[in-house]
């Protein structure tokens, strides 16, 4: 194999071409090696983060349901407050009427 590159290596241009070709091959090997390493290191981390994300999304949806339930309770309390205020105003009117009758 070295013998096939020997005629090219005899000139400066051939040596430059040979060096560039070897550098490109080394770069390609480095890229592939880095990709495999990163994949092996970060795949478990990514899976763990995705599981945490799914769990957090479940919690968020549960909290949204709680908020909806609490908002319905608030609406119910507001209705009760309105009814109680109406009862209070009616009873105040009755009290005033009774006070008028008592003065007469």
Protein backbone atom coordinates (compact mmCIF):
# COMPACT_ATOMS: atom_id res chain seq x y z
CA UNK A 1 0.00 0.00 0.00
CA UNK A 2 2.83 2.38 0.80
CA UNK A 3 4.34 1.55 -2.55
CA UNK A 4 1.28 2.86 -4.38
CA UNK A 5 1.73 6.28 -2.76
CA UNK A 6 5.49 6.39 -3.34
CA UNK A 7 5.36 7.88 -6.82
CA UNK A 8 3.09 10.69 -5.58
CA UNK A 9 5.32 11.38 -2.61
CA UNK A 10 8.26 12.11 -4.85
CA UNK A 11 7.04 15.61 -5.65
CA UNK A 12 6.03 18.38 -3.28
CA UNK A 13 2.53 18.55 -4.74
CA UNK A 14 2.17 14.80 -4.28
CA UNK A 15 3.30 15.08 -0.68
CA UNK A 16 0.78 17.87 -0.03
CA UNK A 17 -2.02 15.82 -1.59
CA UNK A 18 -1.01 12.77 0.45
CA UNK A 19 -0.94 14.78 3.70
CA UNK A 20 -4.32 16.39 2.97
CA UNK A 21 -5.84 12.99 2.17
CA UNK A 22 -4.46 11.48 5.37
CA UNK A 23 -5.72 14.46 7.39
CA UNK A 24 -9.19 14.08 5.88
CA UNK A 25 -9.23 10.37 6.75
CA UNK A 26 -8.06 11.16 10.30
CA UNK A 27 -10.75 13.84 10.62
CA UNK A 28 -13.44 11.42 9.41
CA UNK A 29 -12.26 8.81 11.93
CA UNK A 30 -12.34 11.46 14.67
CA UNK A 31 -15.86 12.56 13.77
CA UNK A 32 -17.19 9.00 13.76
CA UNK A 33 -15.42 8.17 17.02
CA UNK A 34 -16.74 11.34 18.67
CA UNK A 35 -20.28 10.62 17.46
CA UNK A 36 -20.22 7.08 18.90
CA UNK A 37 -18.75 8.30 22.19
CA UNK A 38 -21.27 11.11 22.56
CA UNK A 39 -24.10 8.75 21.69
CA UNK A 40 -22.99 6.22 24.30
CA UNK A 41 -22.51 8.86 27.01
CA UNK A 42 -25.55 11.07 26.42
CA UNK A 43 -28.18 8.49 25.43
CA UNK A 44 -28.81 7.42 29.07
CA UNK A 45 -28.82 11.06 30.17
CA UNK A 46 -31.35 11.96 27.48
CA UNK A 47 -33.58 9.02 28.40
CA UNK A 48 -33.51 10.03 32.07
CA UNK A 49 -34.36 13.63 31.19
CA UNK A 50 -37.23 12.49 28.95
CA UNK A 51 -38.62 10.36 31.81
CA UNK A 52 -38.39 13.33 34.17
CA UNK A 53 -40.08 15.51 31.54
CA UNK A 54 -42.93 13.01 31.23
CA UNK A 55 -43.31 12.86 35.01
CA UNK A 56 -43.34 16.65 35.27
CA UNK A 57 -45.94 16.88 32.50
CA UNK A 58 -48.13 14.47 34.47
CA UNK A 59 -47.70 16.60 37.57
CA UNK A 60 -48.56 19.74 35.62
CA UNK A 61 -51.73 18.19 34.21
CA UNK A 62 -52.68 17.06 37.73
CA UNK A 63 -52.10 20.57 39.04
CA UNK A 64 -54.19 22.02 36.22
CA UNK A 65 -57.02 19.68 37.24
CA UNK A 66 -56.63 20.86 40.84
CA UNK A 67 -56.78 24.49 39.71
CA UNK A 68 -59.97 23.81 37.72
CA UNK A 69 -61.53 22.07 40.73
CA UNK A 70 -60.57 24.94 43.03
CA UNK A 71 -61.94 27.49 40.57
CA UNK A 72 -65.27 25.61 40.56
CA UNK A 73 -65.24 25.65 44.36
CA UNK A 74 -64.57 29.40 44.31
CA UNK A 75 -67.50 29.91 41.94
CA UNK A 76 -69.68 27.87 44.29
CA UNK A 77 -68.55 29.95 47.26
CA UNK A 78 -69.27 33.15 45.34
CA UNK A 79 -72.79 31.91 44.63
CA UNK A 80 -73.27 31.07 48.32
CA UNK A 81 -71.95 34.50 49.30
CA UNK A 82 -74.45 36.12 46.93
CA UNK A 83 -77.29 34.07 48.40
CA UNK A 84 -76.20 34.88 51.97
CA UNK A 85 -75.91 38.58 51.18
CA UNK A 86 -79.42 38.48 49.74
CA UNK A 87 -80.69 36.73 52.90
CA UNK A 88 -78.89 39.30 55.07
CA UNK A 89 -80.44 42.22 53.19
CA UNK A 90 -83.91 40.62 53.48
CA UNK A 91 -83.43 40.06 57.21
CA UNK A 92 -82.19 43.63 57.67
CA UNK A 93 -85.38 44.84 55.97
CA UNK A 94 -87.46 42.67 58.30
CA UNK A 95 -85.53 44.02 61.30
CA UNK A 96 -86.20 47.61 60.18
CA UNK A 97 -89.87 46.82 59.70
CA UNK A 98 -90.08 45.25 63.14
CA UNK A 99 -88.27 48.23 64.66
CA UNK A 100 -90.82 50.56 63.00
CA UNK A 101 -93.68 48.47 64.35
CA UNK A 102 -92.11 48.44 67.81
CA UNK A 103 -91.87 52.27 67.84
CA UNK A 104 -95.51 52.66 66.87
